[in-house]
Amino acid sequence: MKKKILFLMFFFLLFVNTIHSQTRTTVNASNSEISDNLDLKAVASIFGDSKNLEDFEYRLNNPKYKISNLDLNDDRQVDYLRVFETVKGNTHLIVIQAILEKDIFQDVATIEVEKDSYNNTQVQIVGDVYLYGNNYIFEPVYVNSPLVFSYFWAPNYRIYYSRWNWGYYPRFYNYWRPFPIYRYHRNVRNWINFKNQYKYVNVRRSSVAINLHRNIRANSYEIRRPELSFVRRNANVSNRYELDRTRNLNVNNRPVNNNVINNRNNVRNEAETRSTNSRIENSRRNQSESAVPQRQQNNDRTSRNTNTRERRNSNSRG
C-alpha cells in the first residue's frame, strides 16, 4: 500500500512539473507588444518598390520576406494581410487589414497618397490607433519615385480590391509561425531600403483620407479585445514612437558595470608599468656599457650581441 501511495505521489509531482514547464515556455515565447510585429518602415519601403497594389500585397505576404509577424487571432500562424483602396479625386487611401476569420478583419495600417495642385505627391504610412496609438505616422521620401504613382492618376486606372479571404489565399502563400521579436527585427531590416528616408510626423495631412477611412475602417479584433488597445498596453505614452524613445532612454540609463571598467584600467596600468620599467632597465644597461673601455667592448662583443638578442626576445615575449 505504501509503495502504491509513493508511486502515485511521484507521478503527480512529475505531472505538475511538466505542466509548469510547458506554461513557462508559452509565456516566454509570447510577444506582448503587438506593434513590435509589423515594422511600418518596412511597409513603406516595399510599397515604394512595388509596381502596383497587387504586387504590394504579394510582397506583404510573401513567406520569403516575412514582412509581418502579426498573429492577432492567436492561432500560432502569421495573419494574411489583405490590401484594398478607395479613391476620391486626387486622394488614394490604401488600407491594410489582417484576415482573422471569414469576413472578420482588423485594420493594421493605411497608406495615404495625395497629389496637390502643384502635382507634388505626398505619402503617409499611418499605423492603426488600436495597434500603434494616436498619430504614429511615417512620411517616406523615396530615392526613386515609386512606379505605382505613375498609374494612380491614369484615366483608365482600376481601383484595387483584394479578392482573398479566410481560407482562400493565393498560391504563393503559405503559413509560417511568428518569430521571436528579436529575430523578426533582424529579418525585417533586410527588406528596408535605407537609401530612402522615413520621417516621423504626428499630423495626418489629408482630411479627405481621414474621412474616407472613417467610413470603411474594420476593427473586429479591437471590439473583441478592447483591453489590448495601445493606450491600455502603454499607459504612459501616446503612441509607438514615444514608446521607442522610452525604451532607448531606459537602455542608455542602464548602470555601468564598474568592476569591468576597473579591471580594464588595472590591466592597462600594469601594461604601462611593465613598459616603463623595461625602458628604464634598457637605459641603465646602455649607460653601463658606454662606461667600459673600447678594448673591453671588443673582447665582449659576442657576449653583448648574445645578450642583446636575449633582451630582444624577452621583450617580444613580454
C-alpha atoms as a PDB file:
ATOM      1  CA  MET A   1       0.000   0.000   0.000  1.00  0.00           C
ATOM      2  CA  LYS A   2       2.795   2.392   0.906  1.00  0.00           C
ATOM      3  CA  LYS A   3       4.581   1.661  -2.360  1.00  0.00           C
ATOM      4  CA  LYS A   4       1.408   2.439  -4.299  1.00  0.00           C
ATOM      5  CA  ILE A   5       0.978   5.756  -2.461  1.00  0.00           C
ATOM      6  CA  LEU A   6       4.608   6.737  -3.079  1.00  0.00           C
ATOM      7  CA  PHE A   7       4.247   5.827  -6.740  1.00  0.00           C
ATOM      8  CA  LEU A   8       1.112   7.977  -7.083  1.00  0.00           C
ATOM      9  CA  MET A   9       2.809  10.924  -5.360  1.00  0.00           C
ATOM     10  CA  PHE A  10       5.821  10.641  -7.653  1.00  0.00           C
ATOM     11  CA  PHE A  11       3.592  10.518 -10.732  1.00  0.00           C
ATOM     12  CA  PHE A  12       1.606  13.548  -9.537  1.00  0.00           C
ATOM     13  CA  LEU A  13       4.742  15.648  -8.931  1.00  0.00           C
ATOM     14  CA  LEU A  14       6.099  14.678 -12.332  1.00  0.00           C
ATOM     15  CA  PHE A  15       2.820  15.715 -13.972  1.00  0.00           C
ATOM     16  CA  VAL A  16       2.752  19.087 -12.164  1.00  0.00           C
ATOM     17  CA  ASN A  17       6.358  19.858 -13.133  1.00  0.00           C
ATOM     18  CA  THR A  18       5.642  19.024 -16.764  1.00  0.00           C
ATOM     19  CA  ILE A  19       2.613  21.331 -16.880  1.00  0.00           C
ATOM     20  CA  HIS A  20       4.568  24.113 -15.170  1.00  0.00           C
ATOM     21  CA  SER A  21       7.405  23.776 -17.654  1.00  0.00           C
ATOM     22  CA  GLN A  22       5.024  23.967 -20.622  1.00  0.00           C
ATOM     23  CA  THR A  23       3.265  27.023 -19.203  1.00  0.00           C
ATOM     24  CA  ARG A  24       6.539  28.806 -18.572  1.00  0.00           C
ATOM     25  CA  THR A  25       7.690  28.150 -22.145  1.00  0.00           C
ATOM     26  CA  THR A  26       4.444  29.546 -23.565  1.00  0.00           C
ATOM     27  CA  VAL A  27       4.764  32.761 -21.561  1.00  0.00           C
ATOM     28  CA  ASN A  28       8.357  33.340 -22.640  1.00  0.00           C
ATOM     29  CA  ALA A  29       7.515  32.773 -26.304  1.00  0.00           C
ATOM     30  CA  SER A  30       4.641  35.260 -26.440  1.00  0.00           C
ATOM     31  CA  ASN A  31       5.055  38.719 -27.974  1.00  0.00           C
ATOM     32  CA  SER A  32       3.282  41.074 -25.575  1.00  0.00           C
ATOM     33  CA  GLU A  33       3.689  44.363 -27.516  1.00  0.00           C
ATOM     34  CA  ILE A  34       1.553  43.960 -30.632  1.00  0.00           C
ATOM     35  CA  SER A  35       3.128  46.875 -32.507  1.00  0.00           C
ATOM     36  CA  ASP A  36       6.515  45.117 -32.443  1.00  0.00           C
ATOM     37  CA  ASN A  37       5.183  42.670 -35.018  1.00  0.00           C
ATOM     38  CA  LEU A  38       4.791  44.915 -38.067  1.00  0.00           C
ATOM     39  CA  ASP A  39       7.520  47.420 -38.906  1.00  0.00           C
ATOM     40  CA  LEU A  40       5.909  50.325 -40.771  1.00  0.00           C
ATOM     41  CA  LYS A  41       9.249  51.398 -42.224  1.00  0.00           C
ATOM     42  CA  ALA A  42       9.395  48.025 -43.957  1.00  0.00           C
ATOM     43  CA  VAL A  43       5.814  48.536 -45.164  1.00  0.00           C
ATOM     44  CA  ALA A  44       6.768  51.955 -46.558  1.00  0.00           C
ATOM     45  CA  SER A  45       9.869  50.512 -48.191  1.00  0.00           C
ATOM     46  CA  ILE A  46       8.190  47.662 -50.057  1.00  0.00           C
ATOM     47  CA  PHE A  47       5.356  49.984 -51.094  1.00  0.00           C
ATOM     48  CA  GLY A  48       7.947  52.162 -52.826  1.00  0.00           C
ATOM     49  CA  ASP A  49       9.376  49.096 -54.596  1.00  0.00           C
ATOM     50  CA  SER A  50       6.019  47.726 -55.805  1.00  0.00           C
ATOM     51  CA  LYS A  51       4.831  48.162 -59.365  1.00  0.00           C
ATOM     52  CA  ASN A  52       1.152  48.152 -58.329  1.00  0.00           C
ATOM     53  CA  LEU A  53      -1.046  47.337 -55.319  1.00  0.00           C
ATOM     54  CA  GLU A  54      -1.370  43.673 -56.239  1.00  0.00           C
ATOM     55  CA  ASP A  55       2.413  43.425 -56.195  1.00  0.00           C
ATOM     56  CA  PHE A  56       2.426  45.296 -52.875  1.00  0.00           C
ATOM     57  CA  GLU A  57       0.041  42.737 -51.337  1.00  0.00           C
ATOM     58  CA  TYR A  58       2.251  39.959 -52.697  1.00  0.00           C
ATOM     59  CA  ARG A  59       5.322  41.459 -51.022  1.00  0.00           C
ATOM     60  CA  LEU A  60       3.473  41.958 -47.734  1.00  0.00           C
ATOM     61  CA  ASN A  61       2.557  38.272 -47.523  1.00  0.00           C
ATOM     62  CA  ASN A  62       5.421  36.535 -49.292  1.00  0.00           C
ATOM     63  CA  PRO A  63       6.866  33.848 -46.982  1.00  0.00           C
ATOM     64  CA  LYS A  64      10.300  34.673 -48.385  1.00  0.00           C
ATOM     65  CA  TYR A  65      10.227  38.219 -46.989  1.00  0.00           C
ATOM     66  CA  LYS A  66       8.165  37.719 -43.809  1.00  0.00           C
ATOM     67  CA  ILE A  67       7.441  41.448 -43.545  1.00  0.00           C
ATOM     68  CA  SER A  68       4.692  40.823 -40.983  1.00  0.00           C
ATOM     69  CA  ASN A  69       4.850  38.916 -37.723  1.00  0.00           C
ATOM     70  CA  LEU A  70       1.253  39.604 -36.624  1.00  0.00           C
ATOM     71  CA  ASP A  71      -0.847  36.822 -35.137  1.00  0.00           C
ATOM     72  CA  LEU A  72      -3.918  38.644 -33.860  1.00  0.00           C
ATOM     73  CA  ASN A  73      -6.242  35.630 -33.724  1.00  0.00           C
ATOM     74  CA  ASP A  74      -3.696  33.601 -31.700  1.00  0.00           C
ATOM     75  CA  ASP A  75      -3.716  30.562 -33.979  1.00  0.00           C
ATOM     76  CA  ARG A  76       0.124  30.467 -33.956  1.00  0.00           C
ATOM     77  CA  GLN A  77       0.212  31.447 -37.631  1.00  0.00           C
ATOM     78  CA  VAL A  78       1.017  34.858 -39.068  1.00  0.00           C
ATOM     79  CA  ASP A  79      -2.141  36.551 -40.335  1.00  0.00           C
ATOM     80  CA  TYR A  80      -2.648  37.205 -44.034  1.00  0.00           C
ATOM     81  CA  LEU A  81      -2.766  40.957 -44.761  1.00  0.00           C
ATOM     82  CA  ARG A  82      -5.155  41.932 -47.491  1.00  0.00           C
ATOM     83  CA  VAL A  83      -4.934  45.271 -49.346  1.00  0.00           C
ATOM     84  CA  PHE A  84      -7.640  47.395 -50.931  1.00  0.00           C
ATOM     85  CA  GLU A  85      -8.118  51.060 -51.752  1.00  0.00           C
ATOM     86  CA  THR A  86     -10.722  53.732 -52.083  1.00  0.00           C
ATOM     87  CA  VAL A  87     -10.264  56.845 -54.191  1.00  0.00           C
ATOM     88  CA  LYS A  88     -11.678  60.344 -54.200  1.00  0.00           C
ATOM     89  CA  GLY A  89     -10.276  62.946 -56.589  1.00  0.00           C
ATOM     90  CA  ASN A  90      -6.509  63.094 -56.191  1.00  0.00           C
ATOM     91  CA  THR A  91      -6.522  61.081 -52.965  1.00  0.00           C
ATOM     92  CA  HIS A  92      -5.854  57.331 -52.744  1.00  0.00           C
ATOM     93  CA  LEU A  93      -6.436  55.611 -49.419  1.00  0.00           C
ATOM     94  CA  ILE A  94      -4.809  52.157 -49.267  1.00  0.00           C
ATOM     95  CA  VAL A  95      -5.953  50.010 -46.355  1.00  0.00           C
ATOM     96  CA  ILE A  96      -4.032  47.052 -44.900  1.00  0.00           C
ATOM     97  CA  GLN A  97      -6.213  44.613 -42.974  1.00  0.00           C
ATOM     98  CA  ALA A  98      -5.452  41.379 -41.143  1.00  0.00           C
ATOM     99  CA  ILE A  99      -7.801  38.487 -42.006  1.00  0.00           C
ATOM    100  CA  LEU A 100      -8.824  36.888 -38.703  1.00  0.00           C
ATOM    101  CA  GLU A 101     -11.811  34.717 -39.700  1.00  0.00           C
ATOM    102  CA  LYS A 102     -14.248  34.556 -42.570  1.00  0.00           C
ATOM    103  CA  ASP A 103     -15.283  38.169 -43.230  1.00  0.00           C
ATOM    104  CA  ILE A 104     -13.664  39.255 -39.946  1.00  0.00           C
ATOM    105  CA  PHE A 105     -10.895  41.859 -40.345  1.00  0.00           C
ATOM    106  CA  GLN A 106      -8.759  44.269 -38.340  1.00  0.00           C
ATOM    107  CA  ASP A 107      -7.087  47.360 -39.799  1.00  0.00           C
ATOM    108  CA  VAL A 108      -3.366  47.482 -39.071  1.00  0.00           C
ATOM    109  CA  ALA A 109      -2.241  50.467 -41.161  1.00  0.00           C
ATOM    110  CA  THR A 110      -3.172  52.780 -44.021  1.00  0.00           C
ATOM    111  CA  ILE A 111      -1.185  54.410 -46.813  1.00  0.00           C
ATOM    112  CA  GLU A 112      -2.482  57.815 -47.790  1.00  0.00           C
ATOM    113  CA  VAL A 113      -1.337  59.152 -51.148  1.00  0.00           C
ATOM    114  CA  GLU A 114      -2.409  62.589 -52.326  1.00  0.00           C
ATOM    115  CA  LYS A 115      -1.365  64.838 -55.208  1.00  0.00           C
ATOM    116  CA  ASP A 116      -1.617  68.587 -54.644  1.00  0.00           C
ATOM    117  CA  SER A 117      -2.339  71.376 -57.118  1.00  0.00           C
ATOM    118  CA  TYR A 118       1.392  71.603 -57.930  1.00  0.00           C
ATOM    119  CA  ASN A 119       1.497  67.905 -58.898  1.00  0.00           C
ATOM    120  CA  ASN A 120       3.549  67.067 -55.822  1.00  0.00           C
ATOM    121  CA  THR A 121       2.752  63.675 -54.320  1.00  0.00           C
ATOM    122  CA  GLN A 122       2.569  63.286 -50.555  1.00  0.00           C
ATOM    123  CA  VAL A 123       2.659  59.867 -48.889  1.00  0.00           C
ATOM    124  CA  GLN A 124       1.937  58.931 -45.273  1.00  0.00           C
ATOM    125  CA  ILE A 125       2.066  55.491 -43.664  1.00  0.00           C
ATOM    126  CA  VAL A 126      -0.311  55.596 -40.693  1.00  0.00           C
ATOM    127  CA  GLY A 127      -0.399  52.915 -38.001  1.00  0.00           C
ATOM    128  CA  ASP A 128      -3.857  51.970 -36.773  1.00  0.00           C
ATOM    129  CA  VAL A 129      -4.648  53.683 -33.475  1.00  0.00           C
ATOM    130  CA  TYR A 130      -5.552  50.399 -31.783  1.00  0.00           C
ATOM    131  CA  LEU A 131      -2.170  48.798 -32.558  1.00  0.00           C
ATOM    132  CA  TYR A 132       0.198  51.798 -32.609  1.00  0.00           C
ATOM    133  CA  GLY A 133      -1.502  54.564 -30.648  1.00  0.00           C
ATOM    134  CA  ASN A 134      -2.520  58.022 -31.847  1.00  0.00           C
ATOM    135  CA  ASN A 135      -0.784  59.585 -34.844  1.00  0.00           C
ATOM    136  CA  TYR A 136       2.032  57.106 -35.410  1.00  0.00           C
ATOM    137  CA  ILE A 137       2.898  58.272 -38.924  1.00  0.00           C
ATOM    138  CA  PHE A 138       5.860  57.980 -41.290  1.00  0.00           C
ATOM    139  CA  GLU A 139       6.403  60.109 -44.371  1.00  0.00           C
ATOM    140  CA  PRO A 140       8.745  58.235 -46.708  1.00  0.00           C
ATOM    141  CA  VAL A 141      10.991  60.215 -49.037  1.00  0.00           C
ATOM    142  CA  TYR A 142      11.863  57.803 -51.825  1.00  0.00           C
ATOM    143  CA  VAL A 143      15.196  57.964 -53.586  1.00  0.00           C
ATOM    144  CA  ASN A 144      13.288  56.988 -56.757  1.00  0.00           C
ATOM    145  CA  SER A 145       9.666  57.815 -57.441  1.00  0.00           C
ATOM    146  CA  PRO A 146       7.571  54.646 -56.894  1.00  0.00           C
ATOM    147  CA  LEU A 147       6.283  53.066 -60.090  1.00  0.00           C
ATOM    148  CA  VAL A 148       2.804  52.741 -58.609  1.00  0.00           C
ATOM    149  CA  PHE A 149       2.450  56.539 -58.666  1.00  0.00           C
ATOM    150  CA  SER A 150       2.500  56.587 -62.465  1.00  0.00           C
ATOM    151  CA  TYR A 151      -0.732  54.540 -62.543  1.00  0.00           C
ATOM    152  CA  PHE A 152      -2.724  56.200 -59.789  1.00  0.00           C
ATOM    153  CA  TRP A 153      -3.957  59.158 -61.841  1.00  0.00           C
ATOM    154  CA  ALA A 154      -4.218  57.478 -65.215  1.00  0.00           C
ATOM    155  CA  PRO A 155      -7.632  57.902 -66.888  1.00  0.00           C
ATOM    156  CA  ASN A 156      -8.247  54.144 -67.102  1.00  0.00           C
ATOM    157  CA  TYR A 157      -6.983  53.285 -63.607  1.00  0.00           C
ATOM    158  CA  ARG A 158      -8.837  50.396 -61.945  1.00  0.00           C
ATOM    159  CA  ILE A 159      -9.258  50.598 -58.192  1.00  0.00           C
ATOM    160  CA  TYR A 160      -7.642  47.623 -56.477  1.00  0.00           C
ATOM    161  CA  TYR A 161      -9.574  45.420 -54.077  1.00  0.00           C
ATOM    162  CA  SER A 162      -8.108  42.188 -52.746  1.00  0.00           C
ATOM    163  CA  ARG A 163     -10.193  39.127 -53.564  1.00  0.00           C
ATOM    164  CA  TRP A 164      -8.690  36.981 -50.791  1.00  0.00           C
ATOM    165  CA  ASN A 165     -10.485  35.917 -47.636  1.00  0.00           C
ATOM    166  CA  TRP A 166     -10.239  33.430 -44.774  1.00  0.00           C
ATOM    167  CA  GLY A 167      -9.105  30.046 -46.112  1.00  0.00           C
ATOM    168  CA  TYR A 168      -8.885  31.385 -49.657  1.00  0.00           C
ATOM    169  CA  TYR A 169      -5.392  32.627 -50.438  1.00  0.00           C
ATOM    170  CA  PRO A 170      -3.079  32.990 -53.455  1.00  0.00           C
ATOM    171  CA  ARG A 171      -0.896  30.035 -54.469  1.00  0.00           C
ATOM    172  CA  PHE A 172       2.374  31.638 -53.377  1.00  0.00           C
ATOM    173  CA  TYR A 173       1.137  31.994 -49.816  1.00  0.00           C
ATOM    174  CA  ASN A 174       1.621  29.506 -47.010  1.00  0.00           C
ATOM    175  CA  TYR A 175       1.525  29.919 -43.255  1.00  0.00           C
ATOM    176  CA  TRP A 176       4.547  30.458 -41.051  1.00  0.00           C
ATOM    177  CA  ARG A 177       4.850  30.650 -37.305  1.00  0.00           C
ATOM    178  CA  PRO A 178       5.566  34.012 -35.657  1.00  0.00           C
ATOM    179  CA  PHE A 179       9.208  34.712 -34.849  1.00  0.00           C
ATOM    180  CA  PRO A 180      10.539  35.845 -31.501  1.00  0.00           C
ATOM    181  CA  ILE A 181      10.680  39.637 -31.667  1.00  0.00           C
ATOM    182  CA  TYR A 182      14.485  39.930 -31.812  1.00  0.00           C
ATOM    183  CA  ARG A 183      14.585  37.524 -34.753  1.00  0.00           C
ATOM    184  CA  TYR A 184      11.744  39.297 -36.567  1.00  0.00           C
ATOM    185  CA  HIS A 185      13.515  42.665 -36.304  1.00  0.00           C
ATOM    186  CA  ARG A 186      16.764  41.162 -37.530  1.00  0.00           C
ATOM    187  CA  ASN A 187      14.984  39.668 -40.535  1.00  0.00           C
ATOM    188  CA  VAL A 188      12.828  42.641 -41.493  1.00  0.00           C
ATOM    189  CA  ARG A 189      15.790  45.031 -41.639  1.00  0.00           C
ATOM    190  CA  ASN A 190      16.974  43.090 -44.681  1.00  0.00           C
ATOM    191  CA  TRP A 191      13.947  44.349 -46.620  1.00  0.00           C
ATOM    192  CA  ILE A 192      14.126  48.046 -45.706  1.00  0.00           C
ATOM    193  CA  ASN A 193      15.719  50.281 -48.339  1.00  0.00           C
ATOM    194  CA  PHE A 194      17.813  52.617 -46.194  1.00  0.00           C
ATOM    195  CA  LYS A 195      18.532  54.856 -49.179  1.00  0.00           C
ATOM    196  CA  ASN A 196      15.021  56.184 -48.603  1.00  0.00           C
ATOM    197  CA  GLN A 197      14.162  58.439 -45.678  1.00  0.00           C
ATOM    198  CA  TYR A 198      11.392  57.665 -43.211  1.00  0.00           C
ATOM    199  CA  LYS A 199      10.406  60.814 -41.350  1.00  0.00           C
ATOM    200  CA  TYR A 200       8.186  60.538 -38.307  1.00  0.00           C
ATOM    201  CA  VAL A 201       5.365  63.106 -38.046  1.00  0.00           C
ATOM    202  CA  ASN A 202       2.332  63.311 -35.766  1.00  0.00           C
ATOM    203  CA  VAL A 203      -0.216  65.008 -38.042  1.00  0.00           C
ATOM    204  CA  ARG A 204      -2.225  63.424 -40.862  1.00  0.00           C
ATOM    205  CA  ARG A 205      -2.118  65.745 -43.848  1.00  0.00           C
ATOM    206  CA  SER A 206      -5.107  64.585 -45.864  1.00  0.00           C
ATOM    207  CA  SER A 207      -8.545  65.394 -44.481  1.00  0.00           C
ATOM    208  CA  VAL A 208     -10.029  63.539 -47.453  1.00  0.00           C
ATOM    209  CA  ALA A 209      -8.207  60.329 -46.487  1.00  0.00           C
ATOM    210  CA  ILE A 210      -9.321  60.693 -42.873  1.00  0.00           C
ATOM    211  CA  ASN A 211     -12.970  60.958 -43.925  1.00  0.00           C
ATOM    212  CA  LEU A 212     -12.660  58.047 -46.347  1.00  0.00           C
ATOM    213  CA  HIS A 213     -11.116  55.834 -43.685  1.00  0.00           C
ATOM    214  CA  ARG A 214     -13.732  56.711 -41.096  1.00  0.00           C
ATOM    215  CA  ASN A 215     -16.388  55.002 -43.223  1.00  0.00           C
ATOM    216  CA  ILE A 216     -14.547  51.756 -44.007  1.00  0.00           C
ATOM    217  CA  ARG A 217     -12.304  51.025 -41.011  1.00  0.00           C
ATOM    218  CA  ALA A 218     -12.568  47.451 -39.702  1.00  0.00           C
ATOM    219  CA  ASN A 219     -11.940  46.817 -36.007  1.00  0.00           C
ATOM    220  CA  SER A 220     -13.194  43.319 -35.192  1.00  0.00           C
ATOM    221  CA  TYR A 221     -10.182  42.471 -33.040  1.00  0.00           C
ATOM    222  CA  GLU A 222     -10.460  45.783 -31.191  1.00  0.00           C
ATOM    223  CA  ILE A 223     -14.085  45.023 -30.340  1.00  0.00           C
ATOM    224  CA  ARG A 224     -13.190  41.559 -29.071  1.00  0.00           C
ATOM    225  CA  ARG A 225     -10.127  42.616 -27.104  1.00  0.00           C
ATOM    226  CA  PRO A 226     -10.539  46.270 -26.042  1.00  0.00           C
ATOM    227  CA  GLU A 227      -8.177  45.686 -23.112  1.00  0.00           C
ATOM    228  CA  LEU A 228      -5.287  45.195 -25.568  1.00  0.00           C
ATOM    229  CA  SER A 229      -5.510  48.641 -27.162  1.00  0.00           C
ATOM    230  CA  PHE A 230      -2.232  50.584 -27.275  1.00  0.00           C
ATOM    231  CA  VAL A 231      -3.476  53.074 -24.697  1.00  0.00           C
ATOM    232  CA  ARG A 232      -4.158  50.306 -22.188  1.00  0.00           C
ATOM    233  CA  ARG A 233      -0.961  48.412 -23.004  1.00  0.00           C
ATOM    234  CA  ASN A 234       1.165  51.526 -22.571  1.00  0.00           C
ATOM    235  CA  ALA A 235      -0.444  53.977 -20.176  1.00  0.00           C
ATOM    236  CA  ASN A 236       2.431  56.493 -20.051  1.00  0.00           C
ATOM    237  CA  VAL A 237       2.947  57.101 -23.787  1.00  0.00           C
ATOM    238  CA  SER A 238       0.589  58.121 -26.586  1.00  0.00           C
ATOM    239  CA  ASN A 239       1.990  56.075 -29.485  1.00  0.00           C
ATOM    240  CA  ARG A 240       4.693  53.702 -30.665  1.00  0.00           C
ATOM    241  CA  TYR A 241       7.176  56.497 -31.373  1.00  0.00           C
ATOM    242  CA  GLU A 242       7.113  57.650 -27.746  1.00  0.00           C
ATOM    243  CA  LEU A 243       7.369  54.039 -26.621  1.00  0.00           C
ATOM    244  CA  ASP A 244      10.560  53.584 -28.663  1.00  0.00           C
ATOM    245  CA  ARG A 245      12.050  56.738 -27.166  1.00  0.00           C
ATOM    246  CA  THR A 246      11.244  55.495 -23.668  1.00  0.00           C
ATOM    247  CA  ARG A 247      12.858  52.156 -24.435  1.00  0.00           C
ATOM    248  CA  ASN A 248      16.007  53.822 -25.763  1.00  0.00           C
ATOM    249  CA  LEU A 249      16.165  56.074 -22.724  1.00  0.00           C
ATOM    250  CA  ASN A 250      15.962  53.069 -20.406  1.00  0.00           C
ATOM    251  CA  VAL A 251      18.752  51.320 -22.311  1.00  0.00           C
ATOM    252  CA  ASN A 252      21.016  54.389 -22.145  1.00  0.00           C
ATOM    253  CA  ASN A 253      20.394  54.777 -18.411  1.00  0.00           C
ATOM    254  CA  ARG A 254      21.391  51.250 -17.505  1.00  0.00           C
ATOM    255  CA  PRO A 255      24.031  51.185 -14.721  1.00  0.00           C
ATOM    256  CA  VAL A 256      27.600  50.687 -15.872  1.00  0.00           C
ATOM    257  CA  ASN A 257      29.496  47.688 -14.536  1.00  0.00           C
ATOM    258  CA  ASN A 258      32.283  49.379 -12.556  1.00  0.00           C
ATOM    259  CA  ASN A 259      34.051  46.097 -11.961  1.00  0.00           C
ATOM    260  CA  VAL A 260      34.579  45.618 -15.688  1.00  0.00           C
ATOM    261  CA  ILE A 261      35.917  49.156 -16.078  1.00  0.00           C
ATOM    262  CA  ASN A 262      38.225  48.777 -13.074  1.00  0.00           C
ATOM    263  CA  ASN A 263      39.580  45.502 -14.406  1.00  0.00           C
ATOM    264  CA  ARG A 264      40.312  47.106 -17.772  1.00  0.00           C
ATOM    265  CA  ASN A 265      42.043  50.026 -16.080  1.00  0.00           C
ATOM    266  CA  ASN A 266      44.128  47.666 -13.951  1.00  0.00           C
ATOM    267  CA  VAL A 267      45.252  45.704 -16.997  1.00  0.00           C
ATOM    268  CA  ARG A 268      46.138  48.940 -18.814  1.00  0.00           C
ATOM    269  CA  ASN A 269      48.070  50.279 -15.816  1.00  0.00           C
ATOM    270  CA  GLU A 270      50.013  47.046 -15.424  1.00  0.00           C
ATOM    271  CA  ALA A 271      50.977  47.092 -19.099  1.00  0.00           C
ATOM    272  CA  GLU A 272      52.116  50.721 -18.861  1.00  0.00           C
ATOM    273  CA  THR A 273      54.154  49.926 -15.731  1.00  0.00           C
ATOM    274  CA  ARG A 274      55.916  46.986 -17.413  1.00  0.00           C
ATOM    275  CA  SER A 275      56.693  49.150 -20.446  1.00  0.00           C
ATOM    276  CA  THR A 276      58.145  51.949 -18.265  1.00  0.00           C
ATOM    277  CA  ASN A 277      60.275  49.533 -16.232  1.00  0.00           C
ATOM    278  CA  SER A 278      61.601  47.957 -19.411  1.00  0.00           C
ATOM    279  CA  ARG A 279      62.695  51.340 -20.793  1.00  0.00           C
ATOM    280  CA  ILE A 280      64.459  52.238 -17.522  1.00  0.00           C
ATOM    281  CA  GLU A 281      66.302  48.910 -17.449  1.00  0.00           C
ATOM    282  CA  ASN A 282      67.474  49.275 -21.051  1.00  0.00           C
ATOM    283  CA  SER A 283      68.668  52.803 -20.359  1.00  0.00           C
ATOM    284  CA  ARG A 284      70.722  51.654 -17.358  1.00  0.00           C
ATOM    285  CA  ARG A 285      72.323  48.849 -19.365  1.00  0.00           C
ATOM    286  CA  ASN A 286      73.287  51.198 -22.163  1.00  0.00           C
ATOM    287  CA  GLN A 287      74.884  53.625 -19.715  1.00  0.00           C
ATOM    288  CA  SER A 288      76.944  50.864 -18.046  1.00  0.00           C
ATOM    289  CA  GLU A 289      78.121  49.572 -21.423  1.00  0.00           C
ATOM    290  CA  SER A 290      79.238  53.020 -22.561  1.00  0.00           C
ATOM    291  CA  ALA A 291      81.486  53.291 -19.484  1.00  0.00           C
ATOM    292  CA  VAL A 292      83.521  50.168 -20.462  1.00  0.00           C
ATOM    293  CA  PRO A 293      86.850  50.830 -22.350  1.00  0.00           C
ATOM    294  CA  GLN A 294      86.916  50.140 -26.088  1.00  0.00           C
ATOM    295  CA  ARG A 295      89.209  47.135 -25.775  1.00  0.00           C
ATOM    296  CA  GLN A 296      86.928  45.603 -23.226  1.00  0.00           C
ATOM    297  CA  GLN A 297      83.992  46.203 -25.535  1.00  0.00           C
ATOM    298  CA  ASN A 298      85.797  44.368 -28.355  1.00  0.00           C
ATOM    299  CA  ASN A 299      86.538  41.408 -26.133  1.00  0.00           C
ATOM    300  CA  ASP A 300      82.903  41.252 -25.042  1.00  0.00           C
ATOM    301  CA  ARG A 301      81.296  41.888 -28.450  1.00  0.00           C
ATOM    302  CA  THR A 302      79.981  38.370 -28.861  1.00  0.00           C
ATOM    303  CA  SER A 303      78.694  38.274 -25.324  1.00  0.00           C
ATOM    304  CA  ARG A 304      76.930  41.622 -25.712  1.00  0.00           C
ATOM    305  CA  ASN A 305      75.304  40.600 -29.025  1.00  0.00           C
ATOM    306  CA  THR A 306      74.034  37.473 -27.382  1.00  0.00           C
ATOM    307  CA  ASN A 307      72.639  39.476 -24.504  1.00  0.00           C
ATOM    308  CA  THR A 308      71.012  41.904 -26.935  1.00  0.00           C
ATOM    309  CA  ARG A 309      69.176  39.064 -28.714  1.00  0.00           C
ATOM    310  CA  GLU A 310      68.119  37.665 -25.404  1.00  0.00           C
ATOM    311  CA  ARG A 311      66.762  41.045 -24.360  1.00  0.00           C
ATOM    312  CA  ARG A 312      65.012  41.482 -27.702  1.00  0.00           C
ATOM    313  CA  ASN A 313      63.465  38.021 -27.474  1.00  0.00           C
ATOM    314  CA  SER A 314      62.420  38.574 -23.885  1.00  0.00           C
ATOM    315  CA  ASN A 315      60.867  41.941 -24.816  1.00  0.00           C
ATOM    316  CA  SER A 316      58.972  40.389 -27.734  1.00  0.00           C
ATOM    317  CA  ARG A 317      57.677  37.648 -25.497  1.00  0.00           C
ATOM    318  CA  GLY A 318      56.540  40.241 -22.949  1.00  0.00           C
END
